[in-house]
């Protein structure tokens, strides 16, 4: 098996893109194999690796997939305690948005839920 071509950070040739770059262009890999990788060096750690795909072989993002990804990202940004969109992905280590985590437990308003449903309590509370 042949090794993949490896490029240093920001030195990949034109026509190749990472998954994130493809998504920004409204594309997806579409089942194609990885054609190269990019290494980003770090001090005292192994380099970060990103896989590259050919842009000319990428397929357009379907509306259903775009909707599903948007819903998944909204779920990652929604605080389970106050039910607001935090604007960033909620840290798994905290389990809630930073303002809810920094507010003392007694002063934090619990989400009451819709009428007829029990109040929401976050896991571990």
PDB file of N, CA and C in Angstrom:
ATOM      1  N   UNK A   1       0.844  -1.194   0.000  1.00  0.00           N
ATOM      2  CA  UNK A   1       0.000   0.000   0.000  1.00  0.00           C
ATOM      3  C   UNK A   1       0.880   1.244   0.000  1.00  0.00           C
ATOM      4  N   UNK A   2       0.635   2.141  -0.887  1.00  0.00           N
ATOM      5  CA  UNK A   2       1.426   3.359  -1.008  1.00  0.00           C
ATOM      6  C   UNK A   2       0.996   4.372   0.041  1.00  0.00           C
ATOM      7  N   UNK A   3       1.961   5.120   0.546  1.00  0.00           N
ATOM      8  CA  UNK A   3       1.676   6.154   1.530  1.00  0.00           C
ATOM      9  C   UNK A   3       1.048   7.364   0.843  1.00  0.00           C
ATOM     10  N   UNK A   4       0.256   8.071   1.585  1.00  0.00           N
ATOM     11  CA  UNK A   4      -0.381   9.279   1.051  1.00  0.00           C
ATOM     12  C   UNK A   4       0.634  10.408   0.955  1.00  0.00           C
ATOM     13  N   UNK A   5       0.511  11.273  -0.044  1.00  0.00           N
ATOM     14  CA  UNK A   5       1.363  12.466  -0.084  1.00  0.00           C
ATOM     15  C   UNK A   5       1.075  13.340   1.135  1.00  0.00           C
ATOM     16  N   UNK A   6       2.115  13.890   1.706  1.00  0.00           N
ATOM     17  CA  UNK A   6       1.986  14.703   2.903  1.00  0.00           C
ATOM     18  C   UNK A   6       2.503  16.103   2.609  1.00  0.00           C
ATOM     19  N   UNK A   7       1.725  17.104   3.038  1.00  0.00           N
ATOM     20  CA  UNK A   7       2.097  18.496   2.842  1.00  0.00           C
ATOM     21  C   UNK A   7       2.147  19.180   4.195  1.00  0.00           C
ATOM     22  N   UNK A   8       2.977  20.205   4.284  1.00  0.00           N
ATOM     23  CA  UNK A   8       3.011  21.007   5.510  1.00  0.00           C
ATOM     24  C   UNK A   8       1.826  21.974   5.517  1.00  0.00           C
ATOM     25  N   UNK A   9       1.519  22.476   6.686  1.00  0.00           N
ATOM     26  CA  UNK A   9       0.402  23.380   6.901  1.00  0.00           C
ATOM     27  C   UNK A   9       0.440  24.541   5.923  1.00  0.00           C
ATOM     28  N   UNK A  10      -0.660  24.800   5.245  1.00  0.00           N
ATOM     29  CA  UNK A  10      -0.868  25.893   4.291  1.00  0.00           C
ATOM     30  C   UNK A  10      -0.075  25.735   2.992  1.00  0.00           C
ATOM     31  N   UNK A  11       0.486  24.572   2.745  1.00  0.00           N
ATOM     32  CA  UNK A  11       1.258  24.381   1.532  1.00  0.00           C
ATOM     33  C   UNK A  11       0.660  23.304   0.623  1.00  0.00           C
ATOM     34  N   UNK A  12      -0.607  22.975   0.824  1.00  0.00           N
ATOM     35  CA  UNK A  12      -1.266  21.983  -0.031  1.00  0.00           C
ATOM     36  C   UNK A  12      -1.519  22.602  -1.409  1.00  0.00           C
ATOM     37  N   UNK A  13      -1.448  21.794  -2.460  1.00  0.00           N
ATOM     38  CA  UNK A  13      -1.665  22.342  -3.806  1.00  0.00           C
ATOM     39  C   UNK A  13      -3.120  22.728  -4.041  1.00  0.00           C
ATOM     40  N   UNK A  14      -3.329  23.555  -5.039  1.00  0.00           N
ATOM     41  CA  UNK A  14      -4.681  23.958  -5.427  1.00  0.00           C
ATOM     42  C   UNK A  14      -5.469  22.722  -5.863  1.00  0.00           C
ATOM     43  N   UNK A  15      -6.757  22.748  -5.647  1.00  0.00           N
ATOM     44  CA  UNK A  15      -7.607  21.642  -6.071  1.00  0.00           C
ATOM     45  C   UNK A  15      -7.849  20.613  -4.992  1.00  0.00           C
ATOM     46  N   UNK A  16      -7.203  20.762  -3.817  1.00  0.00           N
ATOM     47  CA  UNK A  16      -7.426  19.865  -2.687  1.00  0.00           C
ATOM     48  C   UNK A  16      -8.003  20.666  -1.531  1.00  0.00           C
ATOM     49  N   UNK A  17      -8.881  20.030  -0.752  1.00  0.00           N
ATOM     50  CA  UNK A  17      -9.513  20.726   0.367  1.00  0.00           C
ATOM     51  C   UNK A  17      -9.852  19.730   1.468  1.00  0.00           C
ATOM     52  N   UNK A  18      -9.918  20.225   2.705  1.00  0.00           N
ATOM     53  CA  UNK A  18     -10.339  19.411   3.836  1.00  0.00           C
ATOM     54  C   UNK A  18     -11.866  19.330   3.848  1.00  0.00           C
ATOM     55  N   UNK A  19     -12.411  18.492   4.700  1.00  0.00           N
ATOM     56  CA  UNK A  19     -13.869  18.389   4.824  1.00  0.00           C
ATOM     57  C   UNK A  19     -14.485  19.729   5.188  1.00  0.00           C
ATOM     58  N   UNK A  20     -13.856  20.434   6.104  1.00  0.00           N
ATOM     59  CA  UNK A  20     -14.380  21.724   6.544  1.00  0.00           C
ATOM     60  C   UNK A  20     -14.367  22.739   5.393  1.00  0.00           C
ATOM     61  N   UNK A  21     -13.304  22.731   4.600  1.00  0.00           N
ATOM     62  CA  UNK A  21     -13.234  23.635   3.456  1.00  0.00           C
ATOM     63  C   UNK A  21     -14.266  23.261   2.397  1.00  0.00           C
ATOM     64  N   UNK A  22     -14.476  21.957   2.191  1.00  0.00           N
ATOM     65  CA  UNK A  22     -15.515  21.526   1.259  1.00  0.00           C
ATOM     66  C   UNK A  22     -16.883  21.986   1.729  1.00  0.00           C
ATOM     67  N   UNK A  23     -17.150  21.848   3.039  1.00  0.00           N
ATOM     68  CA  UNK A  23     -18.444  22.258   3.580  1.00  0.00           C
ATOM     69  C   UNK A  23     -18.665  23.751   3.387  1.00  0.00           C
ATOM     70  N   UNK A  24     -17.603  24.548   3.530  1.00  0.00           N
ATOM     71  CA  UNK A  24     -17.722  26.000   3.313  1.00  0.00           C
ATOM     72  C   UNK A  24     -18.064  26.311   1.856  1.00  0.00           C
ATOM     73  N   UNK A  25     -17.679  25.429   0.943  1.00  0.00           N
ATOM     74  CA  UNK A  25     -18.006  25.602  -0.469  1.00  0.00           C
ATOM     75  C   UNK A  25     -19.346  24.983  -0.839  1.00  0.00           C
ATOM     76  N   UNK A  26     -20.035  24.382   0.152  1.00  0.00           N
ATOM     77  CA  UNK A  26     -21.314  23.733  -0.119  1.00  0.00           C
ATOM     78  C   UNK A  26     -21.151  22.363  -0.750  1.00  0.00           C
ATOM     79  N   UNK A  27     -19.995  21.726  -0.502  1.00  0.00           N
ATOM     80  CA  UNK A  27     -19.694  20.422  -1.084  1.00  0.00           C
ATOM     81  C   UNK A  27     -19.459  19.394   0.011  1.00  0.00           C
ATOM     82  N   UNK A  28     -19.365  18.136  -0.393  1.00  0.00           N
ATOM     83  CA  UNK A  28     -19.032  17.027   0.500  1.00  0.00           C
ATOM     84  C   UNK A  28     -18.131  16.076  -0.265  1.00  0.00           C
ATOM     85  N   UNK A  29     -17.347  15.238   0.427  1.00  0.00           N
ATOM     86  CA  UNK A  29     -16.443  14.335  -0.277  1.00  0.00           C
ATOM     87  C   UNK A  29     -17.160  13.389  -1.229  1.00  0.00           C
ATOM     88  N   UNK A  30     -18.345  12.956  -0.923  1.00  0.00           N
ATOM     89  CA  UNK A  30     -19.119  12.135  -1.841  1.00  0.00           C
ATOM     90  C   UNK A  30     -18.562  10.742  -2.063  1.00  0.00           C
ATOM     91  N   UNK A  31     -17.949  10.140  -1.052  1.00  0.00           N
ATOM     92  CA  UNK A  31     -17.475   8.771  -1.160  1.00  0.00           C
ATOM     93  C   UNK A  31     -16.087   8.611  -1.737  1.00  0.00           C
ATOM     94  N   UNK A  32     -15.427   9.692  -2.114  1.00  0.00           N
ATOM     95  CA  UNK A  32     -14.081   9.566  -2.676  1.00  0.00           C
ATOM     96  C   UNK A  32     -13.064   9.263  -1.581  1.00  0.00           C
ATOM     97  N   UNK A  33     -11.984   8.639  -1.955  1.00  0.00           N
ATOM     98  CA  UNK A  33     -10.921   8.318  -1.008  1.00  0.00           C
ATOM     99  C   UNK A  33     -10.088   9.550  -0.709  1.00  0.00           C
ATOM    100  N   UNK A  34      -9.402   9.515   0.419  1.00  0.00           N
ATOM    101  CA  UNK A  34      -8.478  10.579   0.788  1.00  0.00           C
ATOM    102  C   UNK A  34      -7.306  10.543  -0.187  1.00  0.00           C
ATOM    103  N   UNK A  35      -6.900  11.705  -0.705  1.00  0.00           N
ATOM    104  CA  UNK A  35      -5.812  11.737  -1.679  1.00  0.00           C
ATOM    105  C   UNK A  35      -4.497  12.252  -1.088  1.00  0.00           C
ATOM    106  N   UNK A  36      -4.556  12.964   0.045  1.00  0.00           N
ATOM    107  CA  UNK A  36      -3.341  13.493   0.671  1.00  0.00           C
ATOM    108  C   UNK A  36      -3.672  13.897   2.102  1.00  0.00           C
ATOM    109  N   UNK A  37      -2.655  14.288   2.826  1.00  0.00           N
ATOM    110  CA  UNK A  37      -2.886  14.805   4.177  1.00  0.00           C
ATOM    111  C   UNK A  37      -2.004  16.015   4.415  1.00  0.00           C
ATOM    112  N   UNK A  38      -2.455  16.865   5.329  1.00  0.00           N
ATOM    113  CA  UNK A  38      -1.731  18.065   5.720  1.00  0.00           C
ATOM    114  C   UNK A  38      -1.351  17.900   7.185  1.00  0.00           C
ATOM    115  N   UNK A  39      -0.108  18.221   7.514  1.00  0.00           N
ATOM    116  CA  UNK A  39       0.361  18.142   8.894  1.00  0.00           C
ATOM    117  C   UNK A  39       0.604  19.540   9.425  1.00  0.00           C
ATOM    118  N   UNK A  40       0.023  19.821  10.573  1.00  0.00           N
ATOM    119  CA  UNK A  40       0.250  21.098  11.237  1.00  0.00           C
ATOM    120  C   UNK A  40       1.117  20.834  12.456  1.00  0.00           C
ATOM    121  N   UNK A  41       2.346  21.329  12.469  1.00  0.00           N
ATOM    122  CA  UNK A  41       3.234  21.037  13.598  1.00  0.00           C
ATOM    123  C   UNK A  41       2.777  21.713  14.886  1.00  0.00           C
ATOM    124  N   UNK A  42       3.074  21.028  15.994  1.00  0.00           N
ATOM    125  CA  UNK A  42       2.796  21.567  17.329  1.00  0.00           C
ATOM    126  C   UNK A  42       4.017  21.336  18.197  1.00  0.00           C
ATOM    127  N   UNK A  43       4.214  22.160  19.188  1.00  0.00           N
ATOM    128  CA  UNK A  43       5.336  21.993  20.105  1.00  0.00           C
ATOM    129  C   UNK A  43       5.087  20.828  21.040  1.00  0.00           C
ATOM    130  N   UNK A  44       6.042  19.970  21.157  1.00  0.00           N
ATOM    131  CA  UNK A  44       6.043  18.859  22.117  1.00  0.00           C
ATOM    132  C   UNK A  44       4.886  17.886  21.957  1.00  0.00           C
ATOM    133  N   UNK A  45       4.205  17.927  20.849  1.00  0.00           N
ATOM    134  CA  UNK A  45       3.089  17.012  20.593  1.00  0.00           C
ATOM    135  C   UNK A  45       3.167  16.539  19.154  1.00  0.00           C
ATOM    136  N   UNK A  46       2.449  15.484  18.888  1.00  0.00           N
ATOM    137  CA  UNK A  46       2.365  14.997  17.511  1.00  0.00           C
ATOM    138  C   UNK A  46       1.639  16.043  16.664  1.00  0.00           C
ATOM    139  N   UNK A  47       1.964  16.129  15.386  1.00  0.00           N
ATOM    140  CA  UNK A  47       1.295  17.143  14.554  1.00  0.00           C
ATOM    141  C   UNK A  47      -0.175  16.813  14.339  1.00  0.00           C
ATOM    142  N   UNK A  48      -0.967  17.860  14.136  1.00  0.00           N
ATOM    143  CA  UNK A  48      -2.367  17.678  13.773  1.00  0.00           C
ATOM    144  C   UNK A  48      -2.415  17.253  12.307  1.00  0.00           C
ATOM    145  N   UNK A  49      -3.313  16.337  11.990  1.00  0.00           N
ATOM    146  CA  UNK A  49      -3.412  15.817  10.630  1.00  0.00           C
ATOM    147  C   UNK A  49      -4.803  16.113  10.085  1.00  0.00           C
ATOM    148  N   UNK A  50      -4.850  16.629   8.868  1.00  0.00           N
ATOM    149  CA  UNK A  50      -6.117  16.861   8.173  1.00  0.00           C
ATOM    150  C   UNK A  50      -6.040  16.136   6.833  1.00  0.00           C
ATOM    151  N   UNK A  51      -7.105  15.444   6.486  1.00  0.00           N
ATOM    152  CA  UNK A  51      -7.133  14.708   5.227  1.00  0.00           C
ATOM    153  C   UNK A  51      -7.675  15.593   4.127  1.00  0.00           C
ATOM    154  N   UNK A  52      -7.116  15.433   2.934  1.00  0.00           N
ATOM    155  CA  UNK A  52      -7.478  16.261   1.788  1.00  0.00           C
ATOM    156  C   UNK A  52      -8.219  15.444   0.745  1.00  0.00           C
ATOM    157  N   UNK A  53      -9.196  16.085   0.120  1.00  0.00           N
ATOM    158  CA  UNK A  53     -10.022  15.485  -0.931  1.00  0.00           C
ATOM    159  C   UNK A  53      -9.938  16.367  -2.167  1.00  0.00           C
ATOM    160  N   UNK A  54     -10.165  15.778  -3.319  1.00  0.00           N
ATOM    161  CA  UNK A  54     -10.162  16.537  -4.563  1.00  0.00           C
ATOM    162  C   UNK A  54     -11.463  17.320  -4.695  1.00  0.00           C
ATOM    163  N   UNK A  55     -11.353  18.600  -4.985  1.00  0.00           N
ATOM    164  CA  UNK A  55     -12.536  19.455  -5.116  1.00  0.00           C
ATOM    165  C   UNK A  55     -13.330  19.089  -6.364  1.00  0.00           C
ATOM    166  N   UNK A  56     -12.644  18.713  -7.442  1.00  0.00           N
ATOM    167  CA  UNK A  56     -13.364  18.410  -8.685  1.00  0.00           C
ATOM    168  C   UNK A  56     -14.185  17.125  -8.588  1.00  0.00           C
ATOM    169  N   UNK A  57     -13.893  16.261  -7.635  1.00  0.00           N
ATOM    170  CA  UNK A  57     -14.671  15.029  -7.447  1.00  0.00           C
ATOM    171  C   UNK A  57     -15.722  15.162  -6.345  1.00  0.00           C
ATOM    172  N   UNK A  58     -15.735  16.288  -5.636  1.00  0.00           N
ATOM    173  CA  UNK A  58     -16.689  16.489  -4.548  1.00  0.00           C
ATOM    174  C   UNK A  58     -18.098  16.681  -5.104  1.00  0.00           C
ATOM    175  N   UNK A  59     -19.062  16.288  -4.318  1.00  0.00           N
ATOM    176  CA  UNK A  59     -20.468  16.402  -4.719  1.00  0.00           C
ATOM    177  C   UNK A  59     -21.129  17.530  -3.931  1.00  0.00           C
ATOM    178  N   UNK A  60     -22.199  18.087  -4.482  1.00  0.00           N
ATOM    179  CA  UNK A  60     -22.888  19.154  -3.739  1.00  0.00           C
ATOM    180  C   UNK A  60     -23.593  18.604  -2.501  1.00  0.00           C
ATOM    181  N   UNK A  61     -23.711  19.437  -1.513  1.00  0.00           N
ATOM    182  CA  UNK A  61     -24.409  19.080  -0.276  1.00  0.00           C
ATOM    183  C   UNK A  61     -25.903  19.057  -0.571  1.00  0.00           C
ATOM    184  N   UNK A  62     -26.574  17.975  -0.185  1.00  0.00           N
ATOM    185  CA  UNK A  62     -28.013  17.883  -0.422  1.00  0.00           C
ATOM    186  C   UNK A  62     -28.748  18.730   0.605  1.00  0.00           C
ATOM    187  N   UNK A  63     -29.946  19.225   0.272  1.00  0.00           N
ATOM    188  CA  UNK A  63     -30.703  20.026   1.235  1.00  0.00           C
ATOM    189  C   UNK A  63     -31.004  19.265   2.527  1.00  0.00           C
ATOM    190  N   UNK A  64     -31.296  17.971   2.421  1.00  0.00           N
ATOM    191  CA  UNK A  64     -31.597  17.190   3.625  1.00  0.00           C
ATOM    192  C   UNK A  64     -30.372  17.091   4.526  1.00  0.00           C
ATOM    193  N   UNK A  65     -29.209  16.872   3.945  1.00  0.00           N
ATOM    194  CA  UNK A  65     -27.990  16.765   4.745  1.00  0.00           C
ATOM    195  C   UNK A  65     -27.642  18.109   5.368  1.00  0.00           C
ATOM    196  N   UNK A  66     -27.837  19.197   4.622  1.00  0.00           N
ATOM    197  CA  UNK A  66     -27.566  20.531   5.156  1.00  0.00           C
ATOM    198  C   UNK A  66     -28.482  20.819   6.352  1.00  0.00           C
ATOM    199  N   UNK A  67     -29.759  20.432   6.242  1.00  0.00           N
ATOM    200  CA  UNK A  67     -30.702  20.620   7.340  1.00  0.00           C
ATOM    201  C   UNK A  67     -30.309  19.780   8.544  1.00  0.00           C
ATOM    202  N   UNK A  68     -29.911  18.526   8.303  1.00  0.00           N
ATOM    203  CA  UNK A  68     -29.515  17.640   9.407  1.00  0.00           C
ATOM    204  C   UNK A  68     -28.271  18.168  10.114  1.00  0.00           C
ATOM    205  N   UNK A  69     -27.293  18.654   9.370  1.00  0.00           N
ATOM    206  CA  UNK A  69     -26.086  19.207   9.995  1.00  0.00           C
ATOM    207  C   UNK A  69     -26.400  20.479  10.784  1.00  0.00           C
ATOM    208  N   UNK A  70     -27.277  21.309  10.257  1.00  0.00           N
ATOM    209  CA  UNK A  70     -27.660  22.527  10.974  1.00  0.00           C
ATOM    210  C   UNK A  70     -28.372  22.179  12.280  1.00  0.00           C
ATOM    211  N   UNK A  71     -29.237  21.162  12.262  1.00  0.00           N
ATOM    212  CA  UNK A  71     -29.943  20.747  13.479  1.00  0.00           C
ATOM    213  C   UNK A  71     -28.973  20.153  14.494  1.00  0.00           C
ATOM    214  N   UNK A  72     -28.001  19.378  14.024  1.00  0.00           N
ATOM    215  CA  UNK A  72     -27.018  18.794  14.937  1.00  0.00           C
ATOM    216  C   UNK A  72     -26.161  19.871  15.590  1.00  0.00           C
ATOM    217  N   UNK A  73     -25.757  20.872  14.818  1.00  0.00           N
ATOM    218  CA  UNK A  73     -24.952  21.950  15.384  1.00  0.00           C
ATOM    219  C   UNK A  73     -25.761  22.804  16.351  1.00  0.00           C
ATOM    220  N   UNK A  74     -27.040  23.012  16.066  1.00  0.00           N
ATOM    221  CA  UNK A  74     -27.896  23.757  16.991  1.00  0.00           C
ATOM    222  C   UNK A  74     -28.021  23.002  18.312  1.00  0.00           C
ATOM    223  N   UNK A  75     -28.139  21.680  18.245  1.00  0.00           N
ATOM    224  CA  UNK A  75     -28.227  20.877  19.469  1.00  0.00           C
ATOM    225  C   UNK A  75     -26.940  20.976  20.281  1.00  0.00           C
ATOM    226  N   UNK A  76     -25.793  21.057  19.620  1.00  0.00           N
ATOM    227  CA  UNK A  76     -24.521  21.178  20.333  1.00  0.00           C
ATOM    228  C   UNK A  76     -24.347  22.553  20.960  1.00  0.00           C
ATOM    229  N   UNK A  77     -25.024  23.576  20.413  1.00  0.00           N
ATOM    230  CA  UNK A  77     -24.907  24.938  20.933  1.00  0.00           C
ATOM    231  C   UNK A  77     -25.972  25.273  21.967  1.00  0.00           C
ATOM    232  N   UNK A  78     -27.015  24.457  22.118  1.00  0.00           N
ATOM    233  CA  UNK A  78     -28.120  24.757  23.017  1.00  0.00           C
ATOM    234  C   UNK A  78     -27.809  24.263  24.427  1.00  0.00           C
ATOM    235  N   UNK A  79     -27.890  25.163  25.388  1.00  0.00           N
ATOM    236  CA  UNK A  79     -27.621  24.821  26.787  1.00  0.00           C
ATOM    237  C   UNK A  79     -28.777  23.984  27.327  1.00  0.00           C
ATOM    238  N   UNK A  80     -28.514  22.832  27.943  1.00  0.00           N
ATOM    239  CA  UNK A  80     -29.598  22.017  28.485  1.00  0.00           C
ATOM    240  C   UNK A  80     -30.232  22.625  29.731  1.00  0.00           C
ATOM    241  N   UNK A  81     -29.568  23.582  30.349  1.00  0.00           N
ATOM    242  CA  UNK A  81     -30.111  24.186  31.559  1.00  0.00           C
ATOM    243  C   UNK A  81     -31.029  25.363  31.255  1.00  0.00           C
ATOM    244  N   UNK A  82     -30.552  26.335  30.478  1.00  0.00           N
ATOM    245  CA  UNK A  82     -31.359  27.534  30.207  1.00  0.00           C
ATOM    246  C   UNK A  82     -32.029  27.481  28.831  1.00  0.00           C
ATOM    247  N   UNK A  83     -31.717  26.473  28.025  1.00  0.00           N
ATOM    248  CA  UNK A  83     -32.327  26.252  26.714  1.00  0.00           C
ATOM    249  C   UNK A  83     -32.136  27.421  25.748  1.00  0.00           C
ATOM    250  N   UNK A  84     -31.005  28.107  25.836  1.00  0.00           N
ATOM    251  CA  UNK A  84     -30.707  29.174  24.891  1.00  0.00           C
ATOM    252  C   UNK A  84     -29.554  28.745  23.998  1.00  0.00           C
ATOM    253  N   UNK A  85     -29.482  29.353  22.819  1.00  0.00           N
ATOM    254  CA  UNK A  85     -28.378  29.100  21.904  1.00  0.00           C
ATOM    255  C   UNK A  85     -27.185  29.903  22.413  1.00  0.00           C
ATOM    256  N   UNK A  86     -26.151  29.210  22.857  1.00  0.00           N
ATOM    257  CA  UNK A  86     -24.996  29.870  23.449  1.00  0.00           C
ATOM    258  C   UNK A  86     -24.134  30.560  22.400  1.00  0.00           C
ATOM    259  N   UNK A  87     -24.253  30.174  21.146  1.00  0.00           N
ATOM    260  CA  UNK A  87     -23.434  30.763  20.111  1.00  0.00           C
ATOM    261  C   UNK A  87     -22.116  30.031  19.925  1.00  0.00           C
ATOM    262  N   UNK A  88     -21.860  29.021  20.732  1.00  0.00           N
ATOM    263  CA  UNK A  88     -20.665  28.188  20.633  1.00  0.00           C
ATOM    264  C   UNK A  88     -21.056  26.787  21.077  1.00  0.00           C
ATOM    265  N   UNK A  89     -20.258  25.815  20.747  1.00  0.00           N
ATOM    266  CA  UNK A  89     -20.554  24.440  21.175  1.00  0.00           C
ATOM    267  C   UNK A  89     -20.360  24.335  22.683  1.00  0.00           C
ATOM    268  N   UNK A  90     -21.351  23.784  23.361  1.00  0.00           N
ATOM    269  CA  UNK A  90     -21.304  23.640  24.812  1.00  0.00           C
ATOM    270  C   UNK A  90     -20.183  22.674  25.179  1.00  0.00           C
ATOM    271  N   UNK A  91     -19.277  23.053  26.077  1.00  0.00           N
ATOM    272  CA  UNK A  91     -18.208  22.137  26.474  1.00  0.00           C
ATOM    273  C   UNK A  91     -18.782  20.896  27.168  1.00  0.00           C
ATOM    274  N   UNK A  92     -18.353  19.731  26.735  1.00  0.00           N
ATOM    275  CA  UNK A  92     -18.852  18.490  27.338  1.00  0.00           C
ATOM    276  C   UNK A  92     -18.395  18.379  28.780  1.00  0.00           C
ATOM    277  N   UNK A  93     -17.265  18.999  29.103  1.00  0.00           N
ATOM    278  CA  UNK A  93     -16.767  18.935  30.474  1.00  0.00           C
ATOM    279  C   UNK A  93     -17.669  19.702  31.435  1.00  0.00           C
ATOM    280  N   UNK A  94     -18.347  20.749  30.939  1.00  0.00           N
ATOM    281  CA  UNK A  94     -19.248  21.536  31.790  1.00  0.00           C
ATOM    282  C   UNK A  94     -20.674  21.013  31.729  1.00  0.00           C
ATOM    283  N   UNK A  95     -21.116  20.599  30.553  1.00  0.00           N
ATOM    284  CA  UNK A  95     -22.477  20.107  30.396  1.00  0.00           C
ATOM    285  C   UNK A  95     -23.513  21.206  30.290  1.00  0.00           C
ATOM    286  N   UNK A  96     -23.089  22.458  30.292  1.00  0.00           N
ATOM    287  CA  UNK A  96     -23.993  23.602  30.179  1.00  0.00           C
ATOM    288  C   UNK A  96     -23.181  24.788  29.715  1.00  0.00           C
ATOM    289  N   UNK A  97     -23.850  25.884  29.378  1.00  0.00           N
ATOM    290  CA  UNK A  97     -23.131  27.074  28.927  1.00  0.00           C
ATOM    291  C   UNK A  97     -22.320  27.657  30.085  1.00  0.00           C
ATOM    292  N   UNK A  98     -21.334  28.457  29.763  1.00  0.00           N
ATOM    293  CA  UNK A  98     -20.447  29.006  30.779  1.00  0.00           C
ATOM    294  C   UNK A  98     -21.193  29.892  31.775  1.00  0.00           C
ATOM    295  N   UNK A  99     -22.121  30.788  31.349  1.00  0.00           N
ATOM    296  CA  UNK A  99     -22.850  31.590  32.344  1.00  0.00           C
ATOM    297  C   UNK A  99     -23.648  30.719  33.330  1.00  0.00           C
ATOM    298  N   UNK A 100     -24.281  29.636  32.845  1.00  0.00           N
ATOM    299  CA  UNK A 100     -25.012  28.754  33.764  1.00  0.00           C
ATOM    300  C   UNK A 100     -24.052  28.041  34.705  1.00  0.00           C
ATOM    301  N   UNK A 101     -22.897  27.668  34.208  1.00  0.00           N
ATOM    302  CA  UNK A 101     -21.921  26.970  35.051  1.00  0.00           C
ATOM    303  C   UNK A 101     -21.353  27.894  36.115  1.00  0.00           C
ATOM    304  N   UNK A 102     -21.155  29.173  35.756  1.00  0.00           N
ATOM    305  CA  UNK A 102     -20.568  30.126  36.701  1.00  0.00           C
ATOM    306  C   UNK A 102     -21.577  30.678  37.703  1.00  0.00           C
ATOM    307  N   UNK A 103     -22.873  30.495  37.462  1.00  0.00           N
ATOM    308  CA  UNK A 103     -23.899  30.969  38.376  1.00  0.00           C
ATOM    309  C   UNK A 103     -24.072  29.952  39.494  1.00  0.00           C
ATOM    310  N   UNK A 104     -24.146  30.413  40.754  1.00  0.00           N
ATOM    311  CA  UNK A 104     -24.362  29.466  41.857  1.00  0.00           C
ATOM    312  C   UNK A 104     -25.653  28.666  41.659  1.00  0.00           C
ATOM    313  N   UNK A 105     -25.662  27.436  42.144  1.00  0.00           N
ATOM    314  CA  UNK A 105     -26.784  26.508  41.931  1.00  0.00           C
ATOM    315  C   UNK A 105     -28.121  27.088  42.412  1.00  0.00           C
ATOM    316  N   UNK A 106     -28.154  27.737  43.556  1.00  0.00           N
ATOM    317  CA  UNK A 106     -29.409  28.267  44.084  1.00  0.00           C
ATOM    318  C   UNK A 106     -29.953  29.437  43.284  1.00  0.00           C
ATOM    319  N   UNK A 107     -29.071  30.223  42.670  1.00  0.00           N
ATOM    320  CA  UNK A 107     -29.498  31.404  41.915  1.00  0.00           C
ATOM    321  C   UNK A 107     -29.816  31.084  40.467  1.00  0.00           C
ATOM    322  N   UNK A 108     -29.524  29.853  40.022  1.00  0.00           N
ATOM    323  CA  UNK A 108     -29.718  29.482  38.627  1.00  0.00           C
ATOM    324  C   UNK A 108     -31.172  29.089  38.389  1.00  0.00           C
ATOM    325  N   UNK A 109     -31.869  29.753  37.460  1.00  0.00           N
ATOM    326  CA  UNK A 109     -33.247  29.355  37.175  1.00  0.00           C
ATOM    327  C   UNK A 109     -33.258  28.059  36.366  1.00  0.00           C
ATOM    328  N   UNK A 110     -34.052  27.091  36.801  1.00  0.00           N
ATOM    329  CA  UNK A 110     -34.179  25.831  36.072  1.00  0.00           C
ATOM    330  C   UNK A 110     -35.201  25.999  34.962  1.00  0.00           C
ATOM    331  N   UNK A 111     -34.954  25.355  33.849  1.00  0.00           N
ATOM    332  CA  UNK A 111     -35.886  25.390  32.730  1.00  0.00           C
ATOM    333  C   UNK A 111     -37.155  24.658  33.147  1.00  0.00           C
ATOM    334  N   UNK A 112     -38.305  25.296  32.997  1.00  0.00           N
ATOM    335  CA  UNK A 112     -39.567  24.717  33.459  1.00  0.00           C
ATOM    336  C   UNK A 112     -40.237  23.822  32.440  1.00  0.00           C
ATOM    337  N   UNK A 113     -39.899  23.943  31.185  1.00  0.00           N
ATOM    338  CA  UNK A 113     -40.501  23.092  30.161  1.00  0.00           C
ATOM    339  C   UNK A 113     -41.888  23.581  29.783  1.00  0.00           C
ATOM    340  N   UNK A 114     -42.481  22.978  28.749  1.00  0.00           N
ATOM    341  CA  UNK A 114     -43.825  23.363  28.336  1.00  0.00           C
ATOM    342  C   UNK A 114     -44.854  23.003  29.406  1.00  0.00           C
ATOM    343  N   UNK A 115     -46.027  23.602  29.312  1.00  0.00           N
ATOM    344  CA  UNK A 115     -47.089  23.340  30.284  1.00  0.00           C
ATOM    345  C   UNK A 115     -47.440  21.855  30.288  1.00  0.00           C
ATOM    346  N   UNK A 116     -47.591  21.294  31.481  1.00  0.00           N
ATOM    347  CA  UNK A 116     -47.962  19.895  31.609  1.00  0.00           C
ATOM    348  C   UNK A 116     -46.774  18.946  31.658  1.00  0.00           C
ATOM    349  N   UNK A 117     -45.545  19.478  31.503  1.00  0.00           N
ATOM    350  CA  UNK A 117     -44.356  18.641  31.559  1.00  0.00           C
ATOM    351  C   UNK A 117     -43.571  18.943  32.833  1.00  0.00           C
ATOM    352  N   UNK A 118     -42.876  17.966  33.374  1.00  0.00           N
ATOM    353  CA  UNK A 118     -42.089  18.241  34.568  1.00  0.00           C
ATOM    354  C   UNK A 118     -40.914  19.153  34.234  1.00  0.00           C
ATOM    355  N   UNK A 119     -40.398  19.871  35.222  1.00  0.00           N
ATOM    356  CA  UNK A 119     -39.269  20.761  34.970  1.00  0.00           C
ATOM    357  C   UNK A 119     -38.041  19.964  34.497  1.00  0.00           C
ATOM    358  N   UNK A 120     -37.228  20.610  33.706  1.00  0.00           N
ATOM    359  CA  UNK A 120     -36.021  19.978  33.189  1.00  0.00           C
ATOM    360  C   UNK A 120     -34.937  20.031  34.245  1.00  0.00           C
ATOM    361  N   UNK A 121     -34.272  18.925  34.474  1.00  0.00           N
ATOM    362  CA  UNK A 121     -33.111  18.914  35.365  1.00  0.00           C
ATOM    363  C   UNK A 121     -31.948  18.323  34.594  1.00  0.00           C
ATOM    364  N   UNK A 122     -30.812  19.015  34.559  1.00  0.00           N
ATOM    365  CA  UNK A 122     -29.673  18.496  33.823  1.00  0.00           C
ATOM    366  C   UNK A 122     -29.125  17.231  34.478  1.00  0.00           C
ATOM    367  N   UNK A 123     -28.438  16.414  33.668  1.00  0.00           N
ATOM    368  CA  UNK A 123     -27.859  15.191  34.185  1.00  0.00           C
ATOM    369  C   UNK A 123     -26.839  15.515  35.260  1.00  0.00           C
ATOM    370  N   UNK A 124     -26.790  14.702  36.275  1.00  0.00           N
ATOM    371  CA  UNK A 124     -25.835  14.893  37.354  1.00  0.00           C
ATOM    372  C   UNK A 124     -26.285  15.897  38.390  1.00  0.00           C
ATOM    373  N   UNK A 125     -27.471  16.477  38.255  1.00  0.00           N
ATOM    374  CA  UNK A 125     -27.928  17.466  39.244  1.00  0.00           C
ATOM    375  C   UNK A 125     -28.766  16.796  40.306  1.00  0.00           C
TER     376      UNK A 125
END
